[in-house]
């Protein structure tokens, strides 16, 4: 029997409510069924993030892998599709996928070696790793049916008037309006590349024992869109205001992006995060303003400073 980690239970209840409770309750049986169906042998303790249970396993042929079980939603439904497109080029390799349950068997990477470790020693090298991975991943066109950045951008812009009505602080309102204006300039050309969307340092792991790659991406929440929408996680990881401009310059250079379009899409990503903060503040138990949730005020300040740096309002 699989014991579901407390952290995963709490995350599922917090973010998915009744659906999360149902998913967690069914995890032990699902894990047992997939281990038996795919002839796997568990080889280590369960791991987890916010959304998934991950079990180290050995396959019938002796290959090492991990069994990933998650509640499939609009963000994760495209994960196996994207992993098949990339086929191990810059991302973890998908070995098997069960369409009915969403279960995935993935190659085993070095879960003890996150890019955040390198970032602590050499932040410029870590940003370059992310940029080089993004360049490889976004080289592929998005397959038909992938959720698109165009509708997402339109939804963000539609939510702006209501969010502005919730804000009293002049700085918050100004940054939100300017991010929306920048996004509106590029929203009509959303792009067609296959995007990871969530490539922060902890979603980059060291390659497995076969040594085929030093670093590989995991946990995509794939989109069809413009690679400029990919930059924000690496700009915000281990946030330092003085590093925003050189990180942005390095990433746009490595990816070969038009700087103004990339700036607009990055401001659109800041807008997305700020709108989420407004929604969190409006939720039952939320606070009375932007970023008022647990830790939200700190995250908001970083987002505001980052946007201001990209708009040239503060020295770099």
Protein backbone atom coordinates (compact mmCIF):
# COMPACT_ATOMS: atom_id res chain seq x y z
CA UNK A 1 0.00 0.00 0.00
CA UNK A 2 1.09 3.53 -0.78
CA UNK A 3 0.96 6.06 2.03
CA UNK A 4 0.08 9.43 0.49
CA UNK A 5 2.42 12.17 1.81
CA UNK A 6 0.75 14.73 4.06
CA UNK A 7 2.08 17.60 1.95
CA UNK A 8 0.33 16.29 -1.15
CA UNK A 9 -2.92 15.79 0.76
CA UNK A 10 -2.83 19.35 2.06
CA UNK A 11 -2.04 20.80 -1.37
CA UNK A 12 -4.83 18.87 -3.06
CA UNK A 13 -7.40 19.88 -0.47
CA UNK A 14 -6.29 23.51 -0.63
CA UNK A 15 -6.29 23.88 -4.40
CA UNK A 16 -8.82 21.31 -5.58
CA UNK A 17 -11.26 20.89 -2.70
CA UNK A 18 -13.59 17.92 -3.03
CA UNK A 19 -11.96 16.77 -6.27
CA UNK A 20 -8.58 16.79 -4.53
CA UNK A 21 -9.92 14.75 -1.61
CA UNK A 22 -11.36 12.20 -4.02
CA UNK A 23 -8.10 12.01 -5.94
CA UNK A 24 -6.05 11.48 -2.78
CA UNK A 25 -8.44 8.83 -1.50
CA UNK A 26 -8.05 6.84 -4.70
CA UNK A 27 -4.26 7.14 -4.97
CA UNK A 28 -3.25 3.96 -3.09
CA UNK A 29 -5.51 1.79 -5.22
CA UNK A 30 -4.46 3.51 -8.45
CA UNK A 31 -0.78 3.14 -7.61
CA UNK A 32 -1.22 -0.55 -6.86
CA UNK A 33 -3.15 -1.11 -10.08
CA UNK A 34 -0.55 0.63 -12.27
CA UNK A 35 2.39 -1.11 -10.59
CA UNK A 36 0.75 -4.45 -11.33
CA UNK A 37 -0.45 -3.56 -14.84
CA UNK A 38 2.95 -2.28 -15.97
CA UNK A 39 4.93 -4.94 -14.09
CA UNK A 40 6.81 -2.48 -11.94
CA UNK A 41 8.68 -2.90 -8.67
CA UNK A 42 8.84 -0.04 -6.18
CA UNK A 43 12.40 0.90 -5.28
CA UNK A 44 12.11 3.85 -2.93
CA UNK A 45 9.88 6.12 -0.86
CA UNK A 46 7.14 8.21 -2.45
CA UNK A 47 7.95 11.73 -3.62
CA UNK A 48 5.53 14.54 -4.40
CA UNK A 49 5.08 18.11 -5.51
CA UNK A 50 1.93 20.20 -5.34
CA UNK A 51 0.00 18.13 -7.86
CA UNK A 52 1.50 14.66 -8.25
CA UNK A 53 2.59 11.53 -6.43
CA UNK A 54 5.84 10.13 -7.83
CA UNK A 55 7.03 6.59 -7.05
CA UNK A 56 10.54 5.36 -7.92
CA UNK A 57 10.22 2.01 -9.69
CA UNK A 58 12.13 -0.61 -11.63
CA UNK A 59 10.65 -1.90 -14.88
CA UNK A 60 10.45 -5.57 -15.89
CA UNK A 61 13.54 -5.14 -18.09
CA UNK A 62 15.54 -3.68 -15.20
CA UNK A 63 15.30 -0.06 -16.38
CA UNK A 64 14.83 2.60 -13.69
CA UNK A 65 11.77 4.83 -13.87
CA UNK A 66 9.21 6.78 -11.89
CA UNK A 67 5.45 6.32 -11.82
CA UNK A 68 3.72 9.71 -11.84
CA UNK A 69 0.09 9.98 -10.73
CA UNK A 70 -1.72 13.30 -10.81
CA UNK A 71 -5.18 14.82 -10.98
CA UNK A 72 -5.49 15.67 -14.66
CA UNK A 73 -6.74 19.19 -15.34
CA UNK A 74 -6.52 21.75 -18.14
CA UNK A 75 -2.90 22.51 -17.28
CA UNK A 76 -1.63 18.93 -17.09
CA UNK A 77 -3.76 17.20 -19.73
CA UNK A 78 -1.25 18.09 -22.44
CA UNK A 79 1.81 16.83 -20.53
CA UNK A 80 2.09 13.38 -22.17
CA UNK A 81 1.44 14.93 -25.58
CA UNK A 82 4.27 17.42 -25.13
CA UNK A 83 6.65 14.81 -23.75
CA UNK A 84 6.05 12.63 -26.80
CA UNK A 85 6.78 15.57 -29.09
CA UNK A 86 10.05 16.36 -27.28
CA UNK A 87 10.97 12.65 -27.03
CA UNK A 88 13.68 13.29 -24.46
CA UNK A 89 15.22 16.28 -26.24
CA UNK A 90 15.51 18.73 -23.36
CA UNK A 91 12.86 17.03 -21.24
CA UNK A 92 12.33 13.84 -19.31
CA UNK A 93 11.39 10.93 -21.57
CA UNK A 94 7.88 9.43 -21.41
CA UNK A 95 7.95 5.64 -21.38
CA UNK A 96 4.24 4.80 -21.00
CA UNK A 97 0.95 6.63 -20.56
CA UNK A 98 -2.47 5.42 -19.47
CA UNK A 99 -5.14 7.59 -21.10
CA UNK A 100 -7.90 6.50 -18.71
CA UNK A 101 -6.15 7.52 -15.49
CA UNK A 102 -3.46 9.92 -16.72
CA UNK A 103 -0.76 7.75 -15.11
CA UNK A 104 2.70 8.15 -16.67
CA UNK A 105 5.84 6.05 -16.50
CA UNK A 106 8.86 8.34 -16.93
CA UNK A 107 12.57 7.78 -17.07
CA UNK A 108 14.32 8.21 -13.73
CA UNK A 109 16.36 11.38 -13.41
CA UNK A 110 18.54 12.51 -10.51
CA UNK A 111 15.88 13.84 -8.14
CA UNK A 112 18.61 14.87 -5.72
CA UNK A 113 20.14 17.35 -8.17
CA UNK A 114 17.90 20.36 -8.86
CA UNK A 115 19.04 23.36 -10.85
CA UNK A 116 18.40 25.47 -7.74
CA UNK A 117 21.64 24.01 -6.34
CA UNK A 118 23.63 25.42 -9.26
CA UNK A 119 21.71 28.70 -9.01
CA UNK A 120 22.95 29.16 -5.45
CA UNK A 121 26.56 28.91 -6.63
CA UNK A 122 26.37 30.47 -10.09
CA UNK A 123 23.06 32.19 -10.92
CA UNK A 124 24.19 33.22 -14.40
CA UNK A 125 25.00 29.62 -15.32
CA UNK A 126 21.59 28.49 -14.03
CA UNK A 127 19.76 31.11 -16.11
CA UNK A 128 21.71 29.97 -19.17
CA UNK A 129 20.70 26.35 -18.52
CA UNK A 130 17.02 27.35 -18.43
CA UNK A 131 17.39 29.46 -21.57
CA UNK A 132 19.11 26.67 -23.49
CA UNK A 133 16.45 24.17 -22.45
CA UNK A 134 13.68 26.57 -23.47
CA UNK A 135 15.34 27.11 -26.83
CA UNK A 136 15.31 23.36 -27.47
CA UNK A 137 11.77 22.82 -26.22
CA UNK A 138 10.20 25.76 -28.05
CA UNK A 139 11.86 24.77 -31.33
CA UNK A 140 9.01 22.29 -31.79
CA UNK A 141 5.66 23.47 -33.17
CA UNK A 142 2.75 22.80 -30.85
CA UNK A 143 0.63 19.81 -31.89
CA UNK A 144 -3.00 20.28 -32.86
CA UNK A 145 -5.38 20.57 -29.94
CA UNK A 146 -2.88 21.99 -27.45
CA UNK A 147 -4.35 24.74 -25.26
CA UNK A 148 -3.38 28.07 -26.70
CA UNK A 149 -1.88 31.30 -25.44
CA UNK A 150 -4.30 33.37 -27.54
CA UNK A 151 -7.45 32.52 -25.56
CA UNK A 152 -5.48 32.75 -22.33
CA UNK A 153 -4.29 36.27 -23.15
CA UNK A 154 -7.80 37.35 -24.13
CA UNK A 155 -9.12 36.06 -20.81
CA UNK A 156 -6.46 37.95 -18.87
CA UNK A 157 -7.30 41.22 -20.63
CA UNK A 158 -11.01 40.69 -20.01
CA UNK A 159 -10.33 40.32 -16.26
CA UNK A 160 -8.36 43.56 -15.93
CA UNK A 161 -11.25 46.06 -15.43
CA UNK A 162 -12.70 44.08 -12.55
CA UNK A 163 -9.27 43.67 -10.94
CA UNK A 164 -8.56 47.39 -11.22
CA UNK A 165 -11.80 48.05 -9.40
CA UNK A 166 -10.50 46.00 -6.48
CA UNK A 167 -7.25 47.94 -6.10
CA UNK A 168 -6.81 51.07 -4.04
CA UNK A 169 -3.05 51.47 -4.28
CA UNK A 170 -2.00 53.72 -7.14
CA UNK A 171 1.20 51.82 -7.84
CA UNK A 172 -0.66 48.49 -8.09
CA UNK A 173 -3.17 49.99 -10.49
CA UNK A 174 -0.51 51.63 -12.64
CA UNK A 175 1.58 48.47 -13.03
CA UNK A 176 -1.50 46.35 -13.74
CA UNK A 177 -2.71 48.80 -16.42
CA UNK A 178 0.72 49.01 -18.06
CA UNK A 179 1.17 45.25 -18.10
CA UNK A 180 -2.26 44.90 -19.71
CA UNK A 181 -1.38 47.54 -22.32
CA UNK A 182 1.83 45.70 -23.19
CA UNK A 183 0.01 42.37 -23.47
CA UNK A 184 -2.70 43.91 -25.67
CA UNK A 185 -0.02 44.91 -28.20
CA UNK A 186 1.04 41.30 -28.84
CA UNK A 187 -2.06 39.27 -27.93
CA UNK A 188 -3.22 39.16 -31.56
CA UNK A 189 -0.12 37.15 -32.53
CA UNK A 190 0.10 34.50 -29.78
CA UNK A 191 2.57 32.20 -31.56
CA UNK A 192 2.56 28.49 -32.29
CA UNK A 193 5.58 27.03 -30.46
CA UNK A 194 5.29 24.26 -27.89
CA UNK A 195 5.87 25.90 -24.50
CA UNK A 196 6.69 24.34 -21.13
CA UNK A 197 5.13 27.29 -19.22
CA UNK A 198 6.55 26.39 -15.80
CA UNK A 199 10.32 26.02 -16.18
CA UNK A 200 11.58 27.23 -12.82
CA UNK A 201 14.74 25.89 -11.18
CA UNK A 202 13.04 23.05 -9.32
CA UNK A 203 11.54 21.78 -12.58
CA UNK A 204 15.02 21.13 -13.95
CA UNK A 205 16.72 17.94 -12.74
CA UNK A 206 20.06 16.37 -13.38
CA UNK A 207 20.04 13.73 -16.10
CA UNK A 208 19.82 10.07 -15.19
CA UNK A 209 22.58 7.46 -14.92
CA UNK A 210 22.87 6.99 -18.69
CA UNK A 211 24.46 10.44 -18.93
CA UNK A 212 22.53 11.41 -22.06
CA UNK A 213 21.95 14.97 -20.77
CA UNK A 214 23.29 17.06 -17.92
CA UNK A 215 19.97 18.84 -17.26
CA UNK A 216 16.41 17.99 -18.28
CA UNK A 217 13.02 19.66 -17.78
CA UNK A 218 10.16 18.00 -15.92
CA UNK A 219 6.52 18.79 -15.13
CA UNK A 220 5.46 20.83 -18.17
CA UNK A 221 2.10 22.59 -18.22
CA UNK A 222 2.23 22.91 -22.01
CA UNK A 223 0.87 25.70 -24.16
CA UNK A 224 0.93 26.66 -27.81
CA UNK A 225 2.35 30.16 -27.98
CA UNK A 226 5.19 32.66 -28.09
CA UNK A 227 8.44 31.68 -26.27
CA UNK A 228 8.51 35.15 -24.70
CA UNK A 229 5.81 33.88 -22.32
CA UNK A 230 8.35 31.40 -20.90
CA UNK A 231 10.85 33.80 -19.35
CA UNK A 232 9.25 34.88 -16.07
CA UNK A 233 10.03 31.85 -13.86
CA UNK A 234 13.77 32.20 -14.48
CA UNK A 235 13.55 35.97 -13.89
CA UNK A 236 11.77 35.47 -10.58
CA UNK A 237 13.65 32.45 -9.17
CA UNK A 238 15.81 33.57 -6.26
CA UNK A 239 14.59 37.05 -7.04
CA UNK A 240 17.09 39.91 -6.99
CA UNK A 241 16.03 43.23 -8.45
CA UNK A 242 19.52 44.00 -9.77
CA UNK A 243 19.56 40.79 -11.80
CA UNK A 244 16.35 41.30 -13.76
CA UNK A 245 17.88 43.07 -16.74
CA UNK A 246 20.88 40.82 -17.27
CA UNK A 247 18.75 37.70 -16.88
CA UNK A 248 16.30 39.07 -19.45
CA UNK A 249 19.14 40.02 -21.81
CA UNK A 250 20.80 36.61 -21.51
CA UNK A 251 17.58 34.68 -22.08
CA UNK A 252 16.40 36.70 -25.06
CA UNK A 253 19.86 36.34 -26.63
CA UNK A 254 20.03 32.57 -26.14
CA UNK A 255 16.47 32.06 -27.42
CA UNK A 256 16.92 34.54 -30.27
CA UNK A 257 13.81 36.51 -29.30
CA UNK A 258 12.68 39.97 -30.32
CA UNK A 259 13.29 41.91 -27.11
CA UNK A 260 10.20 44.11 -27.26
CA UNK A 261 7.85 41.19 -27.94
CA UNK A 262 9.52 39.16 -25.19
CA UNK A 263 9.17 42.09 -22.79
CA UNK A 264 5.46 42.41 -23.62
CA UNK A 265 4.80 38.70 -23.12
CA UNK A 266 6.75 38.72 -19.85
CA UNK A 267 4.66 41.65 -18.61
CA UNK A 268 1.63 39.61 -19.63
CA UNK A 269 2.88 36.82 -17.38
CA UNK A 270 3.27 39.32 -14.52
CA UNK A 271 -0.31 40.39 -15.21
CA UNK A 272 -1.43 36.78 -14.93
CA UNK A 273 0.22 36.41 -11.52
CA UNK A 274 -1.23 39.68 -10.25
CA UNK A 275 -4.74 38.71 -11.38
CA UNK A 276 -4.36 35.44 -9.49
CA UNK A 277 -3.45 37.45 -6.39
CA UNK A 278 -6.59 39.54 -6.79
CA UNK A 279 -8.67 36.37 -7.11
CA UNK A 280 -7.03 34.90 -4.01
CA UNK A 281 -7.81 38.05 -2.06
CA UNK A 282 -11.46 37.81 -3.08
CA UNK A 283 -11.78 34.16 -2.12
CA UNK A 284 -13.36 33.21 1.23
CA UNK A 285 -10.76 33.79 3.91
CA UNK A 286 -8.71 36.03 1.62
CA UNK A 287 -7.56 39.48 2.53
CA UNK A 288 -8.81 42.81 1.39
CA UNK A 289 -6.26 43.64 -1.26
CA UNK A 290 -3.84 42.45 -3.85
CA UNK A 291 -1.41 39.88 -2.56
CA UNK A 292 -3.04 39.67 0.85
CA UNK A 293 -2.92 35.88 1.07
CA UNK A 294 -0.21 33.91 2.90
CA UNK A 295 3.07 35.15 1.48
CA UNK A 296 1.19 37.01 -1.24
CA UNK A 297 2.41 40.49 -0.34
CA UNK A 298 6.04 39.44 -0.75
CA UNK A 299 5.37 37.76 -4.08
CA UNK A 300 3.45 40.78 -5.30
CA UNK A 301 6.25 43.18 -4.43
CA UNK A 302 8.68 41.06 -6.43
CA UNK A 303 6.30 41.03 -9.39
CA UNK A 304 5.85 44.79 -9.26
CA UNK A 305 9.58 45.46 -9.07
CA UNK A 306 10.27 43.00 -11.88
CA UNK A 307 7.70 44.68 -14.12
CA UNK A 308 9.06 48.12 -13.28
CA UNK A 309 12.60 47.04 -14.11
CA UNK A 310 11.50 45.68 -17.48
CA UNK A 311 9.66 48.95 -18.17
CA UNK A 312 12.78 50.94 -17.29
CA UNK A 313 11.32 52.65 -14.23
CA UNK A 314 14.10 51.70 -11.84
CA UNK A 315 17.83 51.49 -12.34
CA UNK A 316 19.27 48.07 -13.06
